[in-house]
N, C-alpha and C. Protein backbone atom coordinates (compact mmCIF):
# COMPACT_ATOMS: atom_id res chain seq x y z
N MET A 1 23.51 -15.18 0.01
CA MET A 1 22.76 -15.70 -1.12
C MET A 1 21.75 -16.76 -0.67
N LEU A 2 22.19 -17.65 0.26
CA LEU A 2 21.28 -18.67 0.76
C LEU A 2 20.09 -18.06 1.48
N LEU A 3 20.35 -16.98 2.24
CA LEU A 3 19.27 -16.29 2.93
C LEU A 3 18.29 -15.71 1.93
N TYR A 4 18.81 -15.11 0.86
CA TYR A 4 17.98 -14.53 -0.20
C TYR A 4 17.06 -15.59 -0.79
N LEU A 5 17.62 -16.76 -1.11
CA LEU A 5 16.83 -17.82 -1.73
C LEU A 5 15.78 -18.38 -0.77
N SER A 6 16.11 -18.45 0.51
CA SER A 6 15.14 -18.96 1.48
C SER A 6 13.97 -18.00 1.62
N TRP A 7 14.23 -16.70 1.63
CA TRP A 7 13.16 -15.70 1.66
C TRP A 7 12.31 -15.81 0.40
N LEU A 8 12.97 -16.00 -0.73
CA LEU A 8 12.25 -16.11 -2.00
C LEU A 8 11.29 -17.28 -1.97
N ALA A 9 11.75 -18.42 -1.47
CA ALA A 9 10.90 -19.61 -1.40
C ALA A 9 9.73 -19.40 -0.46
N LEU A 10 9.95 -18.62 0.59
CA LEU A 10 8.90 -18.38 1.57
C LEU A 10 7.85 -17.43 1.05
N LEU A 11 8.26 -16.39 0.34
CA LEU A 11 7.34 -15.32 -0.04
C LEU A 11 6.64 -15.56 -1.38
N THR A 12 7.26 -16.29 -2.29
CA THR A 12 6.67 -16.46 -3.61
C THR A 12 5.25 -17.00 -3.57
N PRO A 13 4.91 -17.99 -2.72
CA PRO A 13 3.53 -18.49 -2.71
C PRO A 13 2.50 -17.42 -2.38
N LEU A 14 2.93 -16.35 -1.68
CA LEU A 14 1.98 -15.30 -1.34
C LEU A 14 1.42 -14.65 -2.59
N GLN A 15 2.22 -14.60 -3.65
CA GLN A 15 1.76 -14.00 -4.88
C GLN A 15 0.59 -14.76 -5.49
N LEU A 16 0.49 -16.01 -5.17
CA LEU A 16 -0.49 -16.86 -5.82
C LEU A 16 -1.83 -16.87 -5.11
N GLN A 17 -1.91 -16.20 -3.95
CA GLN A 17 -3.16 -16.15 -3.22
C GLN A 17 -4.08 -15.10 -3.83
N ALA A 18 -5.02 -15.52 -4.64
CA ALA A 18 -5.90 -14.58 -5.32
C ALA A 18 -7.20 -14.41 -4.54
N GLY A 19 -7.90 -13.31 -4.82
CA GLY A 19 -9.21 -13.10 -4.22
C GLY A 19 -9.12 -12.38 -2.89
N ASP A 20 -10.26 -12.06 -2.33
CA ASP A 20 -10.33 -11.31 -1.09
C ASP A 20 -11.43 -11.90 -0.24
N SER A 21 -11.12 -12.19 1.02
CA SER A 21 -12.08 -12.85 1.90
C SER A 21 -13.00 -11.88 2.62
N ILE A 22 -12.81 -10.57 2.41
CA ILE A 22 -13.62 -9.57 3.11
C ILE A 22 -15.03 -9.56 2.54
N LYS A 23 -16.02 -9.58 3.42
CA LYS A 23 -17.43 -9.52 3.03
C LYS A 23 -18.06 -8.29 3.66
N GLY A 24 -18.99 -7.64 2.94
CA GLY A 24 -19.64 -6.48 3.52
C GLY A 24 -20.57 -5.77 2.57
N ASN A 25 -21.03 -4.60 2.99
CA ASN A 25 -22.01 -3.80 2.26
C ASN A 25 -21.31 -2.54 1.73
N ILE A 26 -21.12 -2.49 0.42
CA ILE A 26 -20.38 -1.39 -0.18
C ILE A 26 -21.11 -0.05 0.01
N GLU A 27 -22.42 -0.06 -0.12
CA GLU A 27 -23.17 1.20 0.02
C GLU A 27 -23.07 1.74 1.44
N ASN A 28 -23.10 0.85 2.41
CA ASN A 28 -22.92 1.29 3.80
C ASN A 28 -21.50 1.84 3.98
N GLY A 29 -20.55 1.19 3.35
CA GLY A 29 -19.17 1.67 3.40
C GLY A 29 -19.03 3.05 2.81
N LYS A 30 -19.73 3.31 1.72
CA LYS A 30 -19.70 4.63 1.09
C LYS A 30 -20.23 5.68 2.05
N ALA A 31 -21.34 5.39 2.74
CA ALA A 31 -21.94 6.35 3.67
C ALA A 31 -21.00 6.65 4.83
N ILE A 32 -20.37 5.63 5.37
CA ILE A 32 -19.43 5.85 6.47
C ILE A 32 -18.21 6.63 6.00
N ALA A 33 -17.71 6.28 4.81
CA ALA A 33 -16.53 6.96 4.27
C ALA A 33 -16.80 8.44 4.05
N GLU A 34 -18.00 8.78 3.56
CA GLU A 34 -18.34 10.18 3.33
C GLU A 34 -18.33 10.96 4.64
N GLU A 35 -18.70 10.29 5.72
CA GLU A 35 -18.75 10.95 7.03
C GLU A 35 -17.37 11.04 7.68
N LYS A 36 -16.58 9.98 7.58
CA LYS A 36 -15.36 9.88 8.37
C LYS A 36 -14.05 10.00 7.60
N CYS A 37 -14.08 9.74 6.30
CA CYS A 37 -12.83 9.57 5.57
C CYS A 37 -12.57 10.58 4.45
N ASP A 38 -13.64 11.02 3.79
CA ASP A 38 -13.48 11.83 2.57
C ASP A 38 -12.75 13.14 2.81
N ARG A 39 -12.88 13.70 3.99
CA ARG A 39 -12.25 15.00 4.26
C ARG A 39 -10.74 14.95 4.02
N CYS A 40 -10.11 13.84 4.39
CA CYS A 40 -8.67 13.71 4.21
C CYS A 40 -8.31 12.90 2.96
N HIS A 41 -9.04 11.82 2.73
CA HIS A 41 -8.66 10.90 1.66
C HIS A 41 -9.34 11.21 0.33
N GLY A 42 -10.24 12.18 0.32
CA GLY A 42 -10.85 12.62 -0.93
C GLY A 42 -12.05 11.82 -1.36
N THR A 43 -12.87 12.44 -2.20
CA THR A 43 -14.03 11.76 -2.76
C THR A 43 -13.59 10.54 -3.56
N ASP A 44 -14.24 9.42 -3.33
CA ASP A 44 -13.90 8.16 -3.99
C ASP A 44 -12.49 7.69 -3.66
N GLY A 45 -11.91 8.22 -2.58
CA GLY A 45 -10.61 7.75 -2.14
C GLY A 45 -9.43 8.28 -2.92
N VAL A 46 -9.59 9.36 -3.66
CA VAL A 46 -8.49 9.98 -4.39
C VAL A 46 -8.13 11.28 -3.67
N SER A 47 -6.99 11.28 -3.02
CA SER A 47 -6.57 12.39 -2.17
C SER A 47 -5.84 13.47 -2.96
N ASP A 48 -6.12 14.74 -2.61
CA ASP A 48 -5.40 15.85 -3.23
C ASP A 48 -4.10 16.18 -2.48
N ASP A 49 -3.95 15.64 -1.29
CA ASP A 49 -2.79 15.91 -0.45
C ASP A 49 -1.72 14.86 -0.72
N PRO A 50 -0.54 15.26 -1.19
CA PRO A 50 0.50 14.27 -1.51
C PRO A 50 1.00 13.48 -0.32
N ASP A 51 0.73 13.96 0.90
CA ASP A 51 1.15 13.23 2.10
C ASP A 51 0.06 12.32 2.64
N THR A 52 -1.13 12.35 2.02
CA THR A 52 -2.25 11.51 2.44
C THR A 52 -2.52 10.48 1.36
N PRO A 53 -2.56 9.20 1.70
CA PRO A 53 -2.66 8.18 0.66
C PRO A 53 -4.01 8.14 -0.04
N HIS A 54 -3.97 7.82 -1.33
CA HIS A 54 -5.18 7.41 -2.02
C HIS A 54 -5.65 6.09 -1.41
N LEU A 55 -6.96 5.93 -1.30
CA LEU A 55 -7.53 4.66 -0.88
C LEU A 55 -8.26 3.96 -2.01
N ALA A 56 -8.45 4.65 -3.12
CA ALA A 56 -9.14 4.06 -4.28
C ALA A 56 -8.41 2.81 -4.75
N ALA A 57 -9.17 1.74 -4.97
CA ALA A 57 -8.67 0.46 -5.49
C ALA A 57 -7.75 -0.27 -4.53
N GLN A 58 -7.62 0.23 -3.32
CA GLN A 58 -6.76 -0.44 -2.35
C GLN A 58 -7.33 -1.79 -1.93
N SER A 59 -6.47 -2.75 -1.71
CA SER A 59 -6.89 -4.06 -1.23
C SER A 59 -7.72 -3.94 0.04
N ALA A 60 -8.92 -4.52 0.03
CA ALA A 60 -9.79 -4.43 1.20
C ALA A 60 -9.17 -5.11 2.41
N SER A 61 -8.51 -6.23 2.20
CA SER A 61 -7.87 -6.92 3.32
C SER A 61 -6.80 -6.05 3.95
N TYR A 62 -6.01 -5.38 3.11
CA TYR A 62 -4.97 -4.49 3.63
C TYR A 62 -5.59 -3.33 4.39
N ALA A 63 -6.64 -2.71 3.82
CA ALA A 63 -7.28 -1.56 4.46
C ALA A 63 -7.87 -1.93 5.82
N VAL A 64 -8.49 -3.10 5.91
CA VAL A 64 -9.05 -3.54 7.18
C VAL A 64 -7.93 -3.74 8.21
N LYS A 65 -6.84 -4.35 7.80
CA LYS A 65 -5.71 -4.54 8.73
C LYS A 65 -5.21 -3.22 9.26
N GLN A 66 -5.07 -2.21 8.38
CA GLN A 66 -4.57 -0.92 8.83
C GLN A 66 -5.53 -0.26 9.82
N MET A 67 -6.83 -0.33 9.55
CA MET A 67 -7.80 0.25 10.47
C MET A 67 -7.76 -0.44 11.82
N ARG A 68 -7.63 -1.76 11.81
CA ARG A 68 -7.51 -2.49 13.08
C ARG A 68 -6.24 -2.09 13.82
N ASP A 69 -5.15 -1.91 13.06
CA ASP A 69 -3.89 -1.53 13.70
C ASP A 69 -3.96 -0.13 14.30
N TYR A 70 -4.64 0.79 13.61
CA TYR A 70 -4.83 2.12 14.17
C TYR A 70 -5.67 2.05 15.45
N LYS A 71 -6.72 1.25 15.40
CA LYS A 71 -7.63 1.14 16.55
C LYS A 71 -6.92 0.54 17.76
N SER A 72 -6.07 -0.44 17.54
CA SER A 72 -5.38 -1.11 18.64
C SER A 72 -4.13 -0.37 19.10
N GLY A 73 -3.66 0.59 18.29
CA GLY A 73 -2.44 1.31 18.62
C GLY A 73 -1.18 0.69 18.07
N VAL A 74 -1.31 -0.42 17.34
CA VAL A 74 -0.13 -1.04 16.72
C VAL A 74 0.48 -0.07 15.70
N ARG A 75 -0.38 0.65 14.98
CA ARG A 75 0.07 1.72 14.10
C ARG A 75 -0.43 3.03 14.69
N GLU A 76 0.48 3.94 14.97
CA GLU A 76 0.14 5.15 15.71
C GLU A 76 -0.17 6.33 14.81
N ASP A 77 -1.33 6.92 15.02
CA ASP A 77 -1.72 8.17 14.37
C ASP A 77 -2.97 8.67 15.11
N LYS A 78 -2.85 9.80 15.80
CA LYS A 78 -3.95 10.27 16.64
C LYS A 78 -5.21 10.54 15.84
N ASN A 79 -5.07 11.14 14.67
CA ASN A 79 -6.24 11.45 13.86
C ASN A 79 -6.93 10.18 13.38
N MET A 80 -6.14 9.22 12.90
CA MET A 80 -6.73 7.97 12.43
C MET A 80 -7.37 7.20 13.59
N TYR A 81 -6.76 7.24 14.76
CA TYR A 81 -7.34 6.56 15.91
C TYR A 81 -8.73 7.12 16.23
N LYS A 82 -8.85 8.44 16.18
CA LYS A 82 -10.15 9.07 16.45
C LYS A 82 -11.20 8.64 15.43
N ARG A 83 -10.76 8.43 14.19
CA ARG A 83 -11.69 8.07 13.12
C ARG A 83 -12.17 6.62 13.23
N VAL A 84 -11.30 5.73 13.70
CA VAL A 84 -11.64 4.31 13.65
C VAL A 84 -11.99 3.70 15.00
N ARG A 85 -11.76 4.41 16.10
CA ARG A 85 -11.88 3.78 17.41
C ARG A 85 -13.28 3.26 17.72
N LYS A 86 -14.30 3.85 17.11
CA LYS A 86 -15.67 3.41 17.37
C LYS A 86 -16.22 2.49 16.28
N LEU A 87 -15.41 2.20 15.30
CA LEU A 87 -15.85 1.32 14.22
C LEU A 87 -15.71 -0.15 14.64
N ASP A 88 -16.72 -0.96 14.29
CA ASP A 88 -16.58 -2.39 14.51
C ASP A 88 -16.00 -3.03 13.25
N ASP A 89 -15.72 -4.33 13.33
CA ASP A 89 -15.07 -5.02 12.21
C ASP A 89 -15.91 -4.97 10.94
N GLN A 90 -17.24 -5.06 11.08
CA GLN A 90 -18.08 -5.04 9.88
C GLN A 90 -18.07 -3.68 9.21
N GLN A 91 -18.10 -2.61 10.00
CA GLN A 91 -18.03 -1.27 9.42
C GLN A 91 -16.70 -1.05 8.71
N MET A 92 -15.62 -1.55 9.30
CA MET A 92 -14.32 -1.45 8.65
C MET A 92 -14.33 -2.20 7.31
N ALA A 93 -14.92 -3.38 7.31
CA ALA A 93 -15.00 -4.15 6.07
C ALA A 93 -15.82 -3.41 5.01
N ASP A 94 -16.92 -2.80 5.43
CA ASP A 94 -17.76 -2.05 4.48
C ASP A 94 -16.99 -0.90 3.86
N ILE A 95 -16.28 -0.15 4.69
CA ILE A 95 -15.47 0.98 4.19
C ILE A 95 -14.41 0.47 3.22
N ALA A 96 -13.72 -0.58 3.62
CA ALA A 96 -12.63 -1.11 2.79
C ALA A 96 -13.14 -1.58 1.43
N LEU A 97 -14.29 -2.23 1.41
CA LEU A 97 -14.85 -2.71 0.14
C LEU A 97 -15.30 -1.55 -0.75
N TRP A 98 -15.81 -0.48 -0.14
CA TRP A 98 -16.18 0.70 -0.93
C TRP A 98 -14.97 1.27 -1.64
N TYR A 99 -13.90 1.46 -0.90
CA TYR A 99 -12.71 2.04 -1.52
C TYR A 99 -12.08 1.08 -2.54
N GLU A 100 -12.10 -0.21 -2.25
CA GLU A 100 -11.55 -1.17 -3.20
C GLU A 100 -12.29 -1.12 -4.54
N SER A 101 -13.57 -0.75 -4.50
CA SER A 101 -14.38 -0.70 -5.72
C SER A 101 -14.15 0.55 -6.57
N ARG A 102 -13.44 1.51 -6.03
CA ARG A 102 -13.20 2.77 -6.75
C ARG A 102 -12.00 2.63 -7.68
N PRO A 103 -11.97 3.36 -8.81
CA PRO A 103 -10.86 3.24 -9.76
C PRO A 103 -9.57 3.83 -9.22
N LEU A 104 -8.46 3.28 -9.68
CA LEU A 104 -7.15 3.81 -9.31
C LEU A 104 -7.00 5.25 -9.80
N PRO A 105 -6.22 6.06 -9.07
CA PRO A 105 -5.95 7.42 -9.53
C PRO A 105 -5.07 7.42 -10.77
N GLY A 106 -5.07 8.54 -11.49
CA GLY A 106 -4.27 8.64 -12.70
C GLY A 106 -2.80 8.83 -12.39
N VAL A 107 -1.99 8.77 -13.43
CA VAL A 107 -0.55 8.94 -13.27
C VAL A 107 -0.20 10.42 -13.18
N ALA A 108 1.01 10.71 -12.68
CA ALA A 108 1.38 12.09 -12.41
C ALA A 108 1.71 12.88 -13.68
N SER A 109 2.46 12.28 -14.60
CA SER A 109 2.89 13.02 -15.78
C SER A 109 3.34 12.07 -16.87
N ALA A 110 3.43 12.61 -18.09
CA ALA A 110 3.89 11.79 -19.22
C ALA A 110 5.32 11.31 -18.99
N GLU A 111 6.13 12.14 -18.31
CA GLU A 111 7.51 11.76 -18.03
C GLU A 111 7.56 10.52 -17.14
N ASP A 112 6.73 10.50 -16.10
CA ASP A 112 6.73 9.38 -15.18
C ASP A 112 6.23 8.10 -15.84
N ILE A 113 5.31 8.22 -16.80
CA ILE A 113 4.76 7.05 -17.46
C ILE A 113 5.87 6.26 -18.16
N GLN A 114 6.91 6.95 -18.61
CA GLN A 114 7.98 6.31 -19.36
C GLN A 114 9.00 5.61 -18.47
N LEU A 115 8.88 5.71 -17.16
CA LEU A 115 9.84 5.10 -16.27
C LEU A 115 9.84 3.58 -16.42
N LYS A 116 11.03 2.99 -16.45
CA LYS A 116 11.15 1.54 -16.47
C LYS A 116 11.26 1.03 -15.04
N ALA A 117 10.89 -0.21 -14.85
CA ALA A 117 10.95 -0.79 -13.51
C ALA A 117 12.40 -0.82 -13.02
N PRO A 118 12.69 -0.23 -11.86
CA PRO A 118 14.04 -0.34 -11.31
C PRO A 118 14.39 -1.80 -11.05
N GLU A 119 15.68 -2.10 -11.06
CA GLU A 119 16.10 -3.48 -10.82
C GLU A 119 15.62 -4.00 -9.47
N LEU A 120 15.52 -3.12 -8.49
CA LEU A 120 15.05 -3.56 -7.18
C LEU A 120 13.60 -4.03 -7.23
N VAL A 121 12.83 -3.49 -8.16
CA VAL A 121 11.44 -3.93 -8.32
C VAL A 121 11.38 -5.28 -9.02
N SER A 122 12.11 -5.42 -10.10
CA SER A 122 12.00 -6.63 -10.92
C SER A 122 12.95 -7.76 -10.52
N GLN A 123 14.13 -7.40 -9.97
CA GLN A 123 15.14 -8.42 -9.69
C GLN A 123 15.62 -8.44 -8.24
N GLY A 124 15.45 -7.34 -7.53
CA GLY A 124 16.01 -7.26 -6.19
C GLY A 124 17.53 -7.11 -6.26
N ASP A 125 18.20 -7.44 -5.17
CA ASP A 125 19.66 -7.37 -5.13
C ASP A 125 20.17 -8.51 -4.26
N PRO A 126 20.45 -9.68 -4.86
CA PRO A 126 20.90 -10.83 -4.08
C PRO A 126 22.16 -10.56 -3.26
N SER A 127 23.01 -9.64 -3.72
CA SER A 127 24.25 -9.37 -2.99
C SER A 127 23.97 -8.73 -1.63
N ARG A 128 22.78 -8.10 -1.50
CA ARG A 128 22.40 -7.49 -0.22
C ARG A 128 21.22 -8.22 0.43
N ASN A 129 20.89 -9.40 -0.09
CA ASN A 129 19.74 -10.16 0.38
C ASN A 129 18.45 -9.33 0.32
N ILE A 130 18.31 -8.58 -0.78
CA ILE A 130 17.11 -7.77 -0.99
C ILE A 130 16.24 -8.46 -2.05
N LEU A 131 15.05 -8.86 -1.64
CA LEU A 131 14.12 -9.48 -2.57
C LEU A 131 13.50 -8.45 -3.49
N PRO A 132 13.11 -8.83 -4.71
CA PRO A 132 12.42 -7.89 -5.60
C PRO A 132 11.06 -7.47 -5.03
N CYS A 133 10.73 -6.20 -5.16
CA CYS A 133 9.44 -5.68 -4.68
C CYS A 133 8.28 -6.42 -5.33
N SER A 134 8.49 -6.86 -6.57
CA SER A 134 7.41 -7.49 -7.34
C SER A 134 6.93 -8.80 -6.75
N ILE A 135 7.71 -9.43 -5.89
CA ILE A 135 7.28 -10.69 -5.29
C ILE A 135 5.98 -10.50 -4.53
N CYS A 136 5.88 -9.40 -3.80
CA CYS A 136 4.66 -9.16 -3.02
C CYS A 136 3.74 -8.12 -3.68
N HIS A 137 4.33 -7.08 -4.25
CA HIS A 137 3.52 -5.97 -4.76
C HIS A 137 3.24 -6.06 -6.25
N GLY A 138 3.85 -7.02 -6.93
CA GLY A 138 3.67 -7.14 -8.36
C GLY A 138 4.46 -6.10 -9.12
N LYS A 139 4.93 -6.44 -10.29
CA LYS A 139 5.63 -5.46 -11.13
C LYS A 139 4.68 -4.36 -11.55
N ASP A 140 3.37 -4.70 -11.63
CA ASP A 140 2.37 -3.70 -12.02
C ASP A 140 1.83 -2.92 -10.83
N GLY A 141 2.28 -3.25 -9.64
CA GLY A 141 1.82 -2.54 -8.45
C GLY A 141 0.41 -2.89 -8.02
N LYS A 142 -0.18 -3.89 -8.67
CA LYS A 142 -1.59 -4.22 -8.41
C LYS A 142 -1.79 -5.70 -8.07
N THR A 143 -0.79 -6.53 -8.33
CA THR A 143 -0.90 -7.95 -8.08
C THR A 143 -0.49 -8.21 -6.64
N VAL A 144 -1.45 -8.49 -5.79
CA VAL A 144 -1.15 -8.57 -4.36
C VAL A 144 -1.71 -9.83 -3.73
N ALA A 145 -1.13 -10.20 -2.60
CA ALA A 145 -1.69 -11.21 -1.73
C ALA A 145 -2.55 -10.51 -0.69
N GLU A 146 -3.23 -11.28 0.14
CA GLU A 146 -4.06 -10.69 1.18
C GLU A 146 -3.19 -9.82 2.10
N GLU A 147 -3.71 -8.67 2.48
CA GLU A 147 -3.08 -7.74 3.41
C GLU A 147 -1.79 -7.14 2.87
N VAL A 148 -1.56 -7.24 1.56
CA VAL A 148 -0.42 -6.57 0.92
C VAL A 148 -0.97 -5.38 0.14
N PRO A 149 -0.45 -4.18 0.34
CA PRO A 149 -1.04 -3.00 -0.29
C PRO A 149 -0.79 -2.91 -1.79
N ILE A 150 -1.78 -2.37 -2.50
CA ILE A 150 -1.60 -1.97 -3.88
C ILE A 150 -0.85 -0.64 -3.88
N LEU A 151 0.20 -0.55 -4.68
CA LEU A 151 1.04 0.66 -4.72
C LEU A 151 0.82 1.49 -5.98
N ALA A 152 0.23 0.91 -6.99
CA ALA A 152 0.04 1.60 -8.27
C ALA A 152 -0.76 2.88 -8.08
N GLY A 153 -0.25 3.98 -8.63
CA GLY A 153 -0.98 5.23 -8.61
C GLY A 153 -0.92 5.99 -7.30
N GLN A 154 -0.20 5.47 -6.32
CA GLN A 154 -0.12 6.15 -5.03
C GLN A 154 0.77 7.40 -5.14
N HIS A 155 0.56 8.37 -4.24
CA HIS A 155 1.39 9.57 -4.24
C HIS A 155 2.86 9.21 -4.02
N VAL A 156 3.75 9.84 -4.80
CA VAL A 156 5.18 9.65 -4.60
C VAL A 156 5.59 10.03 -3.19
N ASP A 157 5.16 11.21 -2.74
CA ASP A 157 5.56 11.69 -1.41
C ASP A 157 5.13 10.72 -0.32
N TYR A 158 3.92 10.18 -0.45
CA TYR A 158 3.43 9.25 0.56
C TYR A 158 4.25 7.96 0.55
N LEU A 159 4.54 7.44 -0.64
CA LEU A 159 5.33 6.21 -0.72
C LEU A 159 6.72 6.42 -0.14
N VAL A 160 7.34 7.55 -0.44
CA VAL A 160 8.68 7.84 0.09
C VAL A 160 8.64 7.92 1.61
N SER A 161 7.71 8.71 2.14
CA SER A 161 7.66 8.88 3.60
C SER A 161 7.34 7.56 4.30
N THR A 162 6.47 6.74 3.70
CA THR A 162 6.15 5.44 4.31
C THR A 162 7.38 4.55 4.37
N MET A 163 8.13 4.49 3.28
CA MET A 163 9.34 3.68 3.30
C MET A 163 10.36 4.22 4.30
N GLU A 164 10.44 5.53 4.43
CA GLU A 164 11.35 6.12 5.41
C GLU A 164 10.93 5.77 6.84
N TYR A 165 9.62 5.74 7.08
CA TYR A 165 9.12 5.37 8.42
C TYR A 165 9.45 3.92 8.74
N PHE A 166 9.30 3.05 7.75
CA PHE A 166 9.68 1.65 7.96
C PHE A 166 11.18 1.55 8.22
N ARG A 167 11.95 2.34 7.50
CA ARG A 167 13.41 2.26 7.63
C ARG A 167 13.88 2.72 9.00
N ASP A 168 13.27 3.79 9.54
CA ASP A 168 13.73 4.28 10.84
C ASP A 168 12.99 3.64 12.02
N GLY A 169 12.02 2.76 11.70
CA GLY A 169 11.34 2.02 12.76
C GLY A 169 10.14 2.71 13.35
N SER A 170 9.80 3.92 12.89
CA SER A 170 8.64 4.62 13.44
C SER A 170 7.33 4.00 12.97
N ARG A 171 7.40 3.20 11.91
CA ARG A 171 6.28 2.33 11.53
C ARG A 171 6.79 0.90 11.51
N ASN A 172 6.07 0.02 12.18
CA ASN A 172 6.57 -1.36 12.30
C ASN A 172 5.45 -2.39 12.32
N ASN A 173 4.36 -2.10 11.60
CA ASN A 173 3.24 -3.03 11.61
C ASN A 173 3.20 -3.95 10.40
N ASP A 174 4.33 -4.13 9.74
CA ASP A 174 4.41 -5.08 8.63
C ASP A 174 4.57 -6.49 9.20
N PRO A 175 3.84 -7.47 8.66
CA PRO A 175 3.90 -8.84 9.18
C PRO A 175 5.31 -9.40 9.19
N GLY A 176 5.76 -9.80 10.37
CA GLY A 176 7.08 -10.41 10.49
C GLY A 176 8.25 -9.48 10.30
N GLY A 177 7.98 -8.17 10.14
CA GLY A 177 9.06 -7.22 9.92
C GLY A 177 9.73 -7.35 8.57
N ALA A 178 9.05 -8.00 7.62
CA ALA A 178 9.67 -8.27 6.31
C ALA A 178 9.99 -6.99 5.55
N VAL A 179 9.06 -6.03 5.59
CA VAL A 179 9.28 -4.77 4.86
C VAL A 179 10.44 -4.00 5.49
N GLN A 180 10.45 -3.91 6.80
CA GLN A 180 11.53 -3.19 7.47
C GLN A 180 12.89 -3.79 7.14
N ALA A 181 12.98 -5.11 7.15
CA ALA A 181 14.25 -5.78 6.91
C ALA A 181 14.83 -5.42 5.55
N ILE A 182 13.97 -5.24 4.56
CA ILE A 182 14.43 -4.88 3.22
C ILE A 182 14.72 -3.39 3.12
N ILE A 183 13.80 -2.57 3.59
CA ILE A 183 13.93 -1.13 3.38
C ILE A 183 15.10 -0.54 4.16
N ARG A 184 15.47 -1.14 5.27
CA ARG A 184 16.64 -0.66 6.02
C ARG A 184 17.91 -0.68 5.18
N LYS A 185 17.92 -1.50 4.14
CA LYS A 185 19.11 -1.63 3.30
C LYS A 185 19.10 -0.69 2.10
N LEU A 186 18.01 0.06 1.92
CA LEU A 186 17.89 0.91 0.74
C LEU A 186 18.41 2.31 0.98
N SER A 187 19.00 2.89 -0.05
CA SER A 187 19.44 4.29 0.01
C SER A 187 18.28 5.22 -0.28
N ASP A 188 18.46 6.51 -0.01
CA ASP A 188 17.43 7.50 -0.32
C ASP A 188 17.11 7.49 -1.81
N VAL A 189 18.12 7.38 -2.64
CA VAL A 189 17.93 7.39 -4.09
C VAL A 189 17.10 6.18 -4.52
N GLU A 190 17.37 5.02 -3.95
CA GLU A 190 16.62 3.82 -4.30
C GLU A 190 15.16 3.91 -3.86
N ILE A 191 14.93 4.49 -2.70
CA ILE A 191 13.56 4.66 -2.21
C ILE A 191 12.77 5.55 -3.15
N VAL A 192 13.35 6.66 -3.57
CA VAL A 192 12.66 7.58 -4.48
C VAL A 192 12.39 6.91 -5.82
N ALA A 193 13.36 6.15 -6.33
CA ALA A 193 13.18 5.48 -7.63
C ALA A 193 12.02 4.48 -7.57
N ILE A 194 11.93 3.71 -6.50
CA ILE A 194 10.83 2.75 -6.35
C ILE A 194 9.50 3.48 -6.24
N ALA A 195 9.48 4.55 -5.46
CA ALA A 195 8.24 5.32 -5.27
C ALA A 195 7.76 5.92 -6.59
N ARG A 196 8.66 6.49 -7.35
CA ARG A 196 8.28 7.12 -8.62
C ARG A 196 7.75 6.09 -9.61
N TYR A 197 8.37 4.91 -9.60
CA TYR A 197 7.92 3.87 -10.53
C TYR A 197 6.50 3.44 -10.21
N TYR A 198 6.24 3.11 -8.96
CA TYR A 198 4.90 2.63 -8.61
C TYR A 198 3.85 3.74 -8.72
N ALA A 199 4.23 4.95 -8.41
CA ALA A 199 3.28 6.06 -8.53
C ALA A 199 2.82 6.26 -9.97
N ALA A 200 3.68 5.90 -10.92
CA ALA A 200 3.36 6.10 -12.34
C ALA A 200 2.35 5.09 -12.87
N LEU A 201 2.04 4.06 -12.09
CA LEU A 201 1.22 2.96 -12.59
C LEU A 201 -0.26 3.13 -12.21
N GLY A 202 -0.82 4.29 -12.47
CA GLY A 202 -2.22 4.52 -12.16
C GLY A 202 -3.12 3.72 -13.08
N GLY A 203 -4.40 3.64 -12.69
CA GLY A 203 -5.34 2.82 -13.44
C GLY A 203 -6.14 3.56 -14.49
N ARG A 204 -6.00 4.87 -14.56
CA ARG A 204 -6.73 5.64 -15.58
C ARG A 204 -5.93 6.89 -15.91
N PRO A 205 -6.15 7.52 -17.08
CA PRO A 205 -5.38 8.71 -17.43
C PRO A 205 -5.64 9.84 -16.45
N ALA A 206 -4.63 10.67 -16.23
CA ALA A 206 -4.81 11.84 -15.38
C ALA A 206 -5.77 12.83 -16.03
N ASP A 207 -6.53 13.55 -15.23
CA ASP A 207 -7.45 14.55 -15.76
C ASP A 207 -6.70 15.71 -16.37
């Protein structure tokens, strides 16, 4: 319990960091994205592939961090490395700002819209030293600190697989290992419940 409270005290201020320090040219970002990104991530950052993340409305700070991690090899993906290896920091910022300016994807179905926030999202589980997801990601999936991803409207399959990668250690580029430490304690059922909840929180109605 003491460990849970100490983590809570450490992470809560992150929620209060508003705004984004990334500066750049959105139109240049759009041009680069059309050339390098749209094939997989879709026009305006809305992907048709459930295993490929939407980039629409994603935090620019988070997107820049991921591109840098792919370029440096901290986050491994051969295709992404090929896409970003020749990009400089300003081009990455331009791309990230373009996608951040795009609207969130719609929700999956009327059934998913009715989902209530799982306790792990709103309350966590002090008995397992699991902090609530909302501390960093917001209950709405959109309230974030710098370099924390927006989860609202993301593909369920992508969210599930990402959490599984953090759990088995095949992805480990989260600052301080905070995400891994929590997700290692989650069951498959809990991971799916969290993913379905956040996926339902899109920013516009589905077509």
